[in-house]
Amino acid sequence: MRLKELRLAKGISQLKLAMDLSMNQNSISRYENGAREADYKTLILLADYFNVSIDYLLERTNNPEINR
């Protein structure tokens, strides 16, 4: 998942991201290092937060644009 890449590009910490999304920092860390996979609700939350498609977040495409 591109979560760490997106987070660093935005210049925010794991804690800031977790607080913005009402999650805990430990979950963000586990998503970033692959120890845990995000559920659908979390994927939507993360994609909306970074304004990218879920496919981009999951590295299924290199195009971050959302097709709505």
PDB file of N, CA and C in Angstrom:
ATOM      1  N   MET A   1       0.852  -1.179   0.000  1.00  0.00           N
ATOM      2  CA  MET A   1       0.000   0.000   0.000  1.00  0.00           C
ATOM      3  C   MET A   1       0.895   1.239   0.000  1.00  0.00           C
ATOM      4  N   ARG A   2       0.437   2.268  -0.665  1.00  0.00           N
ATOM      5  CA  ARG A   2       1.197   3.520  -0.781  1.00  0.00           C
ATOM      6  C   ARG A   2       0.970   4.472   0.384  1.00  0.00           C
ATOM      7  N   LEU A   3       0.463   4.002   1.459  1.00  0.00           N
ATOM      8  CA  LEU A   3       0.096   4.873   2.569  1.00  0.00           C
ATOM      9  C   LEU A   3       1.274   5.706   3.067  1.00  0.00           C
ATOM     10  N   LYS A   4       2.403   5.082   3.328  1.00  0.00           N
ATOM     11  CA  LYS A   4       3.554   5.819   3.849  1.00  0.00           C
ATOM     12  C   LYS A   4       4.018   6.885   2.860  1.00  0.00           C
ATOM     13  N   GLU A   5       4.070   6.506   1.587  1.00  0.00           N
ATOM     14  CA  GLU A   5       4.483   7.444   0.541  1.00  0.00           C
ATOM     15  C   GLU A   5       3.564   8.672   0.509  1.00  0.00           C
ATOM     16  N   LEU A   6       2.268   8.436   0.563  1.00  0.00           N
ATOM     17  CA  LEU A   6       1.300   9.535   0.542  1.00  0.00           C
ATOM     18  C   LEU A   6       1.406  10.397   1.799  1.00  0.00           C
ATOM     19  N   ARG A   7       1.575   9.746   2.925  1.00  0.00           N
ATOM     20  CA  ARG A   7       1.666  10.467   4.196  1.00  0.00           C
ATOM     21  C   ARG A   7       2.902  11.360   4.219  1.00  0.00           C
ATOM     22  N   LEU A   8       4.034  10.816   3.793  1.00  0.00           N
ATOM     23  CA  LEU A   8       5.275  11.600   3.783  1.00  0.00           C
ATOM     24  C   LEU A   8       5.203  12.743   2.779  1.00  0.00           C
ATOM     25  N   ALA A   9       4.570  12.504   1.633  1.00  0.00           N
ATOM     26  CA  ALA A   9       4.423  13.556   0.621  1.00  0.00           C
ATOM     27  C   ALA A   9       3.594  14.716   1.165  1.00  0.00           C
ATOM     28  N   LYS A  10       2.651  14.392   2.036  1.00  0.00           N
ATOM     29  CA  LYS A  10       1.808  15.422   2.646  1.00  0.00           C
ATOM     30  C   LYS A  10       2.500  16.073   3.850  1.00  0.00           C
ATOM     31  N   GLY A  11       3.595  15.463   4.294  1.00  0.00           N
ATOM     32  CA  GLY A  11       4.384  16.017   5.398  1.00  0.00           C
ATOM     33  C   GLY A  11       3.730  15.864   6.762  1.00  0.00           C
ATOM     34  N   ILE A  12       3.043  14.752   6.974  1.00  0.00           N
ATOM     35  CA  ILE A  12       2.394  14.540   8.264  1.00  0.00           C
ATOM     36  C   ILE A  12       2.913  13.263   8.923  1.00  0.00           C
ATOM     37  N   SER A  13       2.815  13.230  10.230  1.00  0.00           N
ATOM     38  CA  SER A  13       3.258  12.067  10.990  1.00  0.00           C
ATOM     39  C   SER A  13       2.164  11.009  11.043  1.00  0.00           C
ATOM     40  N   GLN A  14       2.548   9.828  11.457  1.00  0.00           N
ATOM     41  CA  GLN A  14       1.561   8.761  11.660  1.00  0.00           C
ATOM     42  C   GLN A  14       0.534   9.201  12.704  1.00  0.00           C
ATOM     43  N   LEU A  15       1.002   9.858  13.739  1.00  0.00           N
ATOM     44  CA  LEU A  15       0.099  10.301  14.804  1.00  0.00           C
ATOM     45  C   LEU A  15      -0.912  11.323  14.282  1.00  0.00           C
ATOM     46  N   LYS A  16      -0.467  12.272  13.482  1.00  0.00           N
ATOM     47  CA  LYS A  16      -1.364  13.285  12.912  1.00  0.00           C
ATOM     48  C   LYS A  16      -2.418  12.613  12.030  1.00  0.00           C
ATOM     49  N   LEU A  17      -1.991  11.691  11.180  1.00  0.00           N
ATOM     50  CA  LEU A  17      -2.925  10.979  10.315  1.00  0.00           C
ATOM     51  C   LEU A  17      -3.934  10.210  11.155  1.00  0.00           C
ATOM     52  N   ALA A  18      -3.445   9.512  12.153  1.00  0.00           N
ATOM     53  CA  ALA A  18      -4.326   8.739  13.028  1.00  0.00           C
ATOM     54  C   ALA A  18      -5.342   9.644  13.720  1.00  0.00           C
ATOM     55  N   MET A  19      -4.893  10.770  14.208  1.00  0.00           N
ATOM     56  CA  MET A  19      -5.803  11.702  14.887  1.00  0.00           C
ATOM     57  C   MET A  19      -6.831  12.266  13.906  1.00  0.00           C
ATOM     58  N   ASP A  20      -6.402  12.619  12.708  1.00  0.00           N
ATOM     59  CA  ASP A  20      -7.320  13.162  11.702  1.00  0.00           C
ATOM     60  C   ASP A  20      -8.411  12.159  11.316  1.00  0.00           C
ATOM     61  N   LEU A  21      -8.074  10.872  11.367  1.00  0.00           N
ATOM     62  CA  LEU A  21      -9.007   9.825  10.942  1.00  0.00           C
ATOM     63  C   LEU A  21      -9.659   9.094  12.126  1.00  0.00           C
ATOM     64  N   SER A  22      -9.432   9.597  13.330  1.00  0.00           N
ATOM     65  CA  SER A  22      -9.972   8.975  14.549  1.00  0.00           C
ATOM     66  C   SER A  22      -9.555   7.510  14.663  1.00  0.00           C
ATOM     67  N   MET A  23      -8.284   7.284  14.424  1.00  0.00           N
ATOM     68  CA  MET A  23      -7.695   5.947  14.544  1.00  0.00           C
ATOM     69  C   MET A  23      -6.543   6.041  15.528  1.00  0.00           C
ATOM     70  N   ASN A  24      -5.887   4.919  15.783  1.00  0.00           N
ATOM     71  CA  ASN A  24      -4.690   5.010  16.613  1.00  0.00           C
ATOM     72  C   ASN A  24      -3.438   4.862  15.758  1.00  0.00           C
ATOM     73  N   GLN A  25      -2.353   5.421  16.232  1.00  0.00           N
ATOM     74  CA  GLN A  25      -1.097   5.458  15.488  1.00  0.00           C
ATOM     75  C   GLN A  25      -0.578   4.051  15.207  1.00  0.00           C
ATOM     76  N   ASN A  26      -0.836   3.135  16.102  1.00  0.00           N
ATOM     77  CA  ASN A  26      -0.382   1.757  15.936  1.00  0.00           C
ATOM     78  C   ASN A  26      -0.996   1.123  14.682  1.00  0.00           C
ATOM     79  N   SER A  27      -2.255   1.401  14.420  1.00  0.00           N
ATOM     80  CA  SER A  27      -2.913   0.869  13.221  1.00  0.00           C
ATOM     81  C   SER A  27      -2.261   1.417  11.960  1.00  0.00           C
ATOM     82  N   ILE A  28      -1.980   2.710  11.943  1.00  0.00           N
ATOM     83  CA  ILE A  28      -1.329   3.336  10.791  1.00  0.00           C
ATOM     84  C   ILE A  28       0.022   2.667  10.550  1.00  0.00           C
ATOM     85  N   SER A  29       0.787   2.474  11.603  1.00  0.00           N
ATOM     86  CA  SER A  29       2.095   1.834  11.495  1.00  0.00           C
ATOM     87  C   SER A  29       1.972   0.431  10.918  1.00  0.00           C
ATOM     88  N   ARG A  30       1.001  -0.320  11.377  1.00  0.00           N
ATOM     89  CA  ARG A  30       0.807  -1.693  10.885  1.00  0.00           C
ATOM     90  C   ARG A  30       0.370  -1.716   9.422  1.00  0.00           C
ATOM     91  N   TYR A  31      -0.460  -0.762   9.017  1.00  0.00           N
ATOM     92  CA  TYR A  31      -0.843  -0.671   7.602  1.00  0.00           C
ATOM     93  C   TYR A  31       0.388  -0.371   6.751  1.00  0.00           C
ATOM     94  N   GLU A  32       1.218   0.550   7.231  1.00  0.00           N
ATOM     95  CA  GLU A  32       2.396   0.952   6.458  1.00  0.00           C
ATOM     96  C   GLU A  32       3.427  -0.160   6.325  1.00  0.00           C
ATOM     97  N   ASN A  33       3.606  -0.961   7.350  1.00  0.00           N
ATOM     98  CA  ASN A  33       4.636  -2.006   7.268  1.00  0.00           C
ATOM     99  C   ASN A  33       4.086  -3.356   6.817  1.00  0.00           C
ATOM    100  N   GLY A  34       2.802  -3.396   6.474  1.00  0.00           N
ATOM    101  CA  GLY A  34       2.214  -4.606   5.934  1.00  0.00           C
ATOM    102  C   GLY A  34       1.814  -5.647   6.956  1.00  0.00           C
ATOM    103  N   ALA A  35       1.877  -5.305   8.228  1.00  0.00           N
ATOM    104  CA  ALA A  35       1.500  -6.254   9.276  1.00  0.00           C
ATOM    105  C   ALA A  35      -0.010  -6.396   9.402  1.00  0.00           C
ATOM    106  N   ARG A  36      -0.730  -5.455   8.820  1.00  0.00           N
ATOM    107  CA  ARG A  36      -2.190  -5.468   8.883  1.00  0.00           C
ATOM    108  C   ARG A  36      -2.745  -4.916   7.575  1.00  0.00           C
ATOM    109  N   GLU A  37      -3.878  -5.461   7.135  1.00  0.00           N
ATOM    110  CA  GLU A  37      -4.532  -4.962   5.928  1.00  0.00           C
ATOM    111  C   GLU A  37      -5.775  -4.171   6.313  1.00  0.00           C
ATOM    112  N   ALA A  38      -5.980  -3.075   5.616  1.00  0.00           N
ATOM    113  CA  ALA A  38      -7.125  -2.214   5.891  1.00  0.00           C
ATOM    114  C   ALA A  38      -8.408  -2.845   5.365  1.00  0.00           C
ATOM    115  N   ASP A  39      -9.501  -2.656   6.097  1.00  0.00           N
ATOM    116  CA  ASP A  39     -10.800  -3.120   5.621  1.00  0.00           C
ATOM    117  C   ASP A  39     -11.360  -2.090   4.632  1.00  0.00           C
ATOM    118  N   TYR A  40     -12.514  -2.407   4.035  1.00  0.00           N
ATOM    119  CA  TYR A  40     -13.097  -1.517   3.023  1.00  0.00           C
ATOM    120  C   TYR A  40     -13.346  -0.116   3.558  1.00  0.00           C
ATOM    121  N   LYS A  41     -13.916  -0.030   4.730  1.00  0.00           N
ATOM    122  CA  LYS A  41     -14.230   1.270   5.322  1.00  0.00           C
ATOM    123  C   LYS A  41     -12.959   2.113   5.495  1.00  0.00           C
ATOM    124  N   THR A  42     -11.898   1.484   5.958  1.00  0.00           N
ATOM    125  CA  THR A  42     -10.630   2.190   6.175  1.00  0.00           C
ATOM    126  C   THR A  42      -9.999   2.589   4.848  1.00  0.00           C
ATOM    127  N   LEU A  43     -10.076   1.716   3.851  1.00  0.00           N
ATOM    128  CA  LEU A  43      -9.536   2.051   2.532  1.00  0.00           C
ATOM    129  C   LEU A  43     -10.229   3.284   1.956  1.00  0.00           C
ATOM    130  N   ILE A  44     -11.540   3.338   2.085  1.00  0.00           N
ATOM    131  CA  ILE A  44     -12.300   4.491   1.602  1.00  0.00           C
ATOM    132  C   ILE A  44     -11.889   5.745   2.366  1.00  0.00           C
ATOM    133  N   LEU A  45     -11.755   5.619   3.669  1.00  0.00           N
ATOM    134  CA  LEU A  45     -11.357   6.742   4.517  1.00  0.00           C
ATOM    135  C   LEU A  45      -9.984   7.280   4.105  1.00  0.00           C
ATOM    136  N   LEU A  46      -9.032   6.375   3.901  1.00  0.00           N
ATOM    137  CA  LEU A  46      -7.678   6.782   3.512  1.00  0.00           C
ATOM    138  C   LEU A  46      -7.652   7.391   2.114  1.00  0.00           C
ATOM    139  N   ALA A  47      -8.354   6.772   1.175  1.00  0.00           N
ATOM    140  CA  ALA A  47      -8.391   7.293  -0.195  1.00  0.00           C
ATOM    141  C   ALA A  47      -9.020   8.684  -0.229  1.00  0.00           C
ATOM    142  N   ASP A  48     -10.094   8.870   0.521  1.00  0.00           N
ATOM    143  CA  ASP A  48     -10.734  10.192   0.585  1.00  0.00           C
ATOM    144  C   ASP A  48      -9.815  11.219   1.241  1.00  0.00           C
ATOM    145  N   TYR A  49      -9.128  10.818   2.278  1.00  0.00           N
ATOM    146  CA  TYR A  49      -8.221  11.731   2.993  1.00  0.00           C
ATOM    147  C   TYR A  49      -7.119  12.250   2.058  1.00  0.00           C
ATOM    148  N   PHE A  50      -6.536  11.342   1.275  1.00  0.00           N
ATOM    149  CA  PHE A  50      -5.442  11.730   0.386  1.00  0.00           C
ATOM    150  C   PHE A  50      -5.923  12.111  -1.015  1.00  0.00           C
ATOM    151  N   ASN A  51      -7.235  12.041  -1.236  1.00  0.00           N
ATOM    152  CA  ASN A  51      -7.841  12.397  -2.524  1.00  0.00           C
ATOM    153  C   ASN A  51      -7.233  11.587  -3.677  1.00  0.00           C
ATOM    154  N   VAL A  52      -7.142  10.284  -3.462  1.00  0.00           N
ATOM    155  CA  VAL A  52      -6.650   9.369  -4.485  1.00  0.00           C
ATOM    156  C   VAL A  52      -7.643   8.216  -4.616  1.00  0.00           C
ATOM    157  N   SER A  53      -7.510   7.452  -5.687  1.00  0.00           N
ATOM    158  CA  SER A  53      -8.371   6.285  -5.849  1.00  0.00           C
ATOM    159  C   SER A  53      -7.883   5.152  -4.940  1.00  0.00           C
ATOM    160  N   ILE A  54      -8.782   4.243  -4.639  1.00  0.00           N
ATOM    161  CA  ILE A  54      -8.398   3.076  -3.851  1.00  0.00           C
ATOM    162  C   ILE A  54      -7.406   2.221  -4.641  1.00  0.00           C
ATOM    163  N   ASP A  55      -7.596   2.130  -5.950  1.00  0.00           N
ATOM    164  CA  ASP A  55      -6.647   1.383  -6.777  1.00  0.00           C
ATOM    165  C   ASP A  55      -5.242   1.966  -6.674  1.00  0.00           C
ATOM    166  N   TYR A  56      -5.129   3.285  -6.628  1.00  0.00           N
ATOM    167  CA  TYR A  56      -3.820   3.918  -6.480  1.00  0.00           C
ATOM    168  C   TYR A  56      -3.246   3.596  -5.100  1.00  0.00           C
ATOM    169  N   LEU A  57      -4.058   3.693  -4.096  1.00  0.00           N
ATOM    170  CA  LEU A  57      -3.637   3.403  -2.726  1.00  0.00           C
ATOM    171  C   LEU A  57      -3.117   1.968  -2.612  1.00  0.00           C
ATOM    172  N   LEU A  58      -3.762   1.043  -3.307  1.00  0.00           N
ATOM    173  CA  LEU A  58      -3.393  -0.370  -3.257  1.00  0.00           C
ATOM    174  C   LEU A  58      -2.354  -0.764  -4.313  1.00  0.00           C
ATOM    175  N   GLU A  59      -1.810   0.233  -5.016  1.00  0.00           N
ATOM    176  CA  GLU A  59      -0.769   0.039  -6.027  1.00  0.00           C
ATOM    177  C   GLU A  59      -1.241  -0.802  -7.209  1.00  0.00           C
ATOM    178  N   ARG A  60      -2.526  -0.713  -7.532  1.00  0.00           N
ATOM    179  CA  ARG A  60      -3.064  -1.408  -8.704  1.00  0.00           C
ATOM    180  C   ARG A  60      -2.946  -0.544  -9.948  1.00  0.00           C
ATOM    181  N   THR A  61      -2.661   0.751  -9.756  1.00  0.00           N
ATOM    182  CA  THR A  61      -2.468   1.688 -10.859  1.00  0.00           C
ATOM    183  C   THR A  61      -1.487   2.762 -10.400  1.00  0.00           C
ATOM    184  N   ASN A  62      -0.889   3.423 -11.364  1.00  0.00           N
ATOM    185  CA  ASN A  62      -0.012   4.555 -11.048  1.00  0.00           C
ATOM    186  C   ASN A  62      -0.729   5.887 -11.246  1.00  0.00           C
ATOM    187  N   ASN A  63      -2.009   5.817 -11.574  1.00  0.00           N
ATOM    188  CA  ASN A  63      -2.817   7.008 -11.780  1.00  0.00           C
ATOM    189  C   ASN A  63      -3.622   7.290 -10.495  1.00  0.00           C
ATOM    190  N   PRO A  64      -3.305   8.384  -9.795  1.00  0.00           N
ATOM    191  CA  PRO A  64      -3.980   8.669  -8.532  1.00  0.00           C
ATOM    192  C   PRO A  64      -5.385   9.243  -8.685  1.00  0.00           C
ATOM    193  N   GLU A  65      -5.792   9.574  -9.925  1.00  0.00           N
ATOM    194  CA  GLU A  65      -7.082  10.237 -10.129  1.00  0.00           C
ATOM    195  C   GLU A  65      -8.244   9.322  -9.783  1.00  0.00           C
ATOM    196  N   ILE A  66      -9.278   9.941  -9.246  1.00  0.00           N
ATOM    197  CA  ILE A  66     -10.492   9.231  -8.866  1.00  0.00           C
ATOM    198  C   ILE A  66     -11.466   9.302 -10.019  1.00  0.00           C
ATOM    199  N   ASN A  67     -12.023   8.179 -10.409  1.00  0.00           N
ATOM    200  CA  ASN A  67     -13.043   8.135 -11.464  1.00  0.00           C
ATOM    201  C   ASN A  67     -14.407   8.062 -10.823  1.00  0.00           C
ATOM    202  N   ARG A  68     -15.091   9.188 -10.795  1.00  0.00           N
ATOM    203  CA  ARG A  68     -16.422   9.233 -10.181  1.00  0.00           C
ATOM    204  C   ARG A  68     -17.465   9.448 -11.215  1.00  0.00           C
TER     205      ARG A  68
END
